[in-house]
Protein backbone atom coordinates (compact mmCIF):
# COMPACT_ATOMS: atom_id res chain seq x y z
CA MET A 1 -4.37 16.32 -4.26
CA GLU A 2 -7.39 14.05 -4.32
CA ARG A 3 -9.59 16.84 -2.93
CA LEU A 4 -8.46 19.18 -5.70
CA PHE A 5 -9.37 16.64 -8.38
CA ARG A 6 -12.71 15.96 -6.66
CA ALA A 7 -13.51 19.68 -6.55
CA PHE A 8 -12.62 20.04 -10.22
CA TRP A 9 -14.82 17.04 -11.03
CA TYR A 10 -17.78 18.60 -9.18
CA LEU A 11 -17.21 21.85 -11.04
CA SER A 12 -16.98 20.05 -14.39
CA VAL A 13 -20.26 18.20 -13.68
CA LEU A 14 -21.99 21.51 -13.02
CA ILE A 15 -20.48 23.06 -16.14
CA VAL A 16 -21.52 20.20 -18.42
CA PHE A 17 -25.07 20.04 -17.08
CA PHE A 18 -25.59 23.81 -17.34
CA SER A 19 -24.14 23.75 -20.87
CA LEU A 20 -26.54 20.93 -21.71
CA MET A 21 -29.45 23.07 -20.57
CA TYR A 22 -28.09 26.12 -22.40
CA SER A 23 -27.52 24.22 -25.64
CA PHE A 24 -30.97 22.62 -25.40
CA ALA A 25 -32.56 26.06 -25.22
CA ALA A 26 -30.59 27.29 -28.22
CA LEU A 27 -31.13 24.30 -30.52
CA PRO A 28 -33.73 24.26 -33.30
CA HIS A 29 -36.44 21.59 -33.32
CA LEU A 30 -34.36 19.33 -35.59
CA VAL A 31 -30.74 18.89 -34.60
CA GLU A 32 -28.04 18.05 -37.11
CA TYR A 33 -25.17 16.46 -35.22
CA LEU A 34 -23.22 15.20 -38.25
CA ASP A 35 -23.26 16.37 -41.85
CA GLY A 36 -24.95 13.89 -44.16
CA PHE A 37 -26.78 12.02 -41.41
CA GLU A 38 -30.43 12.12 -40.49
CA ASN A 39 -31.55 14.86 -38.12
CA VAL A 40 -33.00 14.09 -34.69
CA THR A 41 -35.39 16.11 -32.59
CA LYS A 42 -33.86 18.22 -29.88
CA ASP A 43 -35.66 16.24 -27.17
CA ILE A 44 -34.06 12.98 -28.30
CA TYR A 45 -30.69 14.70 -28.57
CA PHE A 46 -31.08 16.14 -25.06
CA TYR A 47 -32.04 12.84 -23.45
CA TYR A 48 -29.27 10.88 -25.18
CA ALA A 49 -26.68 13.49 -24.17
CA LEU A 50 -28.06 13.52 -20.63
CA ALA A 51 -27.90 9.72 -20.46
CA ILE A 52 -24.29 9.62 -21.68
CA VAL A 53 -23.12 12.31 -19.24
CA ALA A 54 -25.06 10.88 -16.30
CA PHE A 55 -23.89 7.31 -16.99
CA SER A 56 -20.21 8.27 -17.21
CA ASN A 57 -20.41 10.27 -13.99
CA PHE A 58 -22.36 7.53 -12.20
CA ILE A 59 -19.73 4.96 -13.17
CA LEU A 60 -17.07 7.26 -11.71
CA TYR A 61 -19.02 7.58 -8.47
CA VAL A 62 -19.37 3.79 -8.16
CA LEU A 63 -15.68 3.15 -8.90
CA VAL A 64 -14.47 5.80 -6.45
CA ARG A 65 -16.62 4.29 -3.70
CA LYS A 66 -15.03 0.91 -4.47
CA PHE A 67 -11.54 2.35 -3.77
CA ASN A 68 -12.51 3.77 -0.38
CA SER A 69 -9.54 2.49 1.65
CA SER A 70 -6.84 4.77 2.97
CA SER A 71 -3.88 3.22 1.13
CA SER A 72 -1.75 5.39 -1.11
CA LEU A 73 -2.62 3.32 -4.20
CA SER A 74 -6.32 3.74 -3.48
CA LYS A 75 -5.93 7.52 -3.13
CA MET A 76 -3.96 7.64 -6.40
CA LEU A 77 -6.67 5.66 -8.20
CA GLN A 78 -9.37 7.95 -6.82
CA SER A 79 -7.47 11.02 -8.00
CA TRP A 80 -6.89 9.42 -11.39
CA LEU A 81 -10.59 8.60 -11.78
CA TYR A 82 -11.57 12.15 -10.87
CA ALA A 83 -9.07 13.56 -13.37
CA LEU A 84 -10.21 11.20 -16.12
CA ASN A 85 -13.87 11.99 -15.67
CA SER A 86 -13.17 15.72 -15.41
CA SER A 87 -11.46 15.56 -18.79
CA LEU A 88 -14.40 13.54 -20.16
CA ASN A 89 -16.80 16.19 -18.86
CA LEU A 90 -14.75 18.91 -20.54
CA PHE A 91 -14.96 16.93 -23.77
CA PHE A 92 -18.73 16.65 -23.38
CA PHE A 93 -18.92 20.41 -22.77
CA VAL A 94 -16.94 21.24 -25.92
CA ALA A 95 -18.94 18.72 -27.97
CA LEU A 96 -22.25 20.18 -26.77
CA MET A 97 -21.12 23.69 -27.64
CA PHE A 98 -19.91 22.48 -31.04
CA VAL A 99 -23.30 20.94 -31.88
CA MET A 100 -25.08 24.06 -30.62
CA MET A 101 -22.93 26.36 -32.75
CA HIS A 102 -23.22 24.07 -35.78
CA ASN A 103 -27.04 24.25 -35.60
CA SER A 104 -27.16 27.97 -34.93
CA ASN A 105 -28.56 30.41 -37.47
CA GLU A 106 -25.79 32.84 -36.60
CA HIS A 107 -22.47 32.83 -38.40
CA TRP A 108 -19.96 31.21 -36.04
CA ASN A 109 -16.40 30.29 -36.73
CA TYR A 110 -17.00 26.95 -35.05
CA GLY A 111 -13.94 25.49 -36.76
CA MET A 112 -11.90 27.10 -33.99
CA LEU A 113 -13.80 24.98 -31.47
CA GLY A 114 -12.21 21.96 -33.15
CA TYR A 115 -9.01 22.83 -31.31
CA GLY A 116 -10.93 22.52 -28.05
CA ILE A 117 -12.03 19.05 -29.09
CA TYR A 118 -8.43 18.07 -29.87
CA ILE A 119 -7.20 19.47 -26.55
CA THR A 120 -9.84 17.60 -24.53
CA ILE A 121 -9.13 14.37 -26.41
CA GLY A 122 -5.46 14.94 -25.61
CA LEU A 123 -6.35 15.35 -21.92
CA ILE A 124 -8.30 12.08 -21.98
CA VAL A 125 -5.38 10.25 -23.64
CA LEU A 126 -2.92 11.82 -21.18
CA CYS A 127 -5.03 10.65 -18.24
CA ALA A 128 -5.37 7.17 -19.73
CA PHE A 129 -1.62 6.84 -20.27
CA SER A 130 -0.83 8.16 -16.80
CA LEU A 131 -2.51 5.21 -15.05
CA PRO A 132 0.31 2.68 -15.63
CA ILE A 133 2.85 5.26 -14.47
CA LEU A 134 0.86 5.94 -11.29
CA ILE A 135 0.55 2.23 -10.54
CA PHE A 136 4.29 1.71 -11.16
CA VAL A 137 5.20 4.57 -8.83
CA ALA A 138 2.80 3.33 -6.14
CA ASN A 139 4.18 -0.21 -6.33
CA LYS A 140 7.73 1.07 -6.23
CA ASN A 141 6.96 3.11 -3.09
CA ILE A 142 5.32 0.10 -1.44
CA ASN A 143 8.28 -2.19 -2.22
CA THR A 144 10.92 0.18 -0.86
């Protein structure tokens, strides 16, 4: 199961970085990321988004290497970390597409993309709430 989550994490990293490049190419010089706030240049937006995505994925890599033993709890924590960061990467992907569509000159119904944001936030919350259950199950298996 851990290999499946790792493969999905690798795929989500590729998806979010290619979407970052795609959205960078489609953005105007000044990017409006929130209504009523000051605009930023697309270079600043790109580098901040790149830093956030790279930092979150680097933290995952460091934490997974910390749990490198072969115990069942360690494997569960690795799988959980891969699932959590995959859901974070999906959230980053949807957020990047939302900002790109919001700044586009074309007429998009980007309100429908709001459902994607809610779904990815739900995935993040589901992963976060699954950690105590995974630890409880692992401890129960160890004790019996």
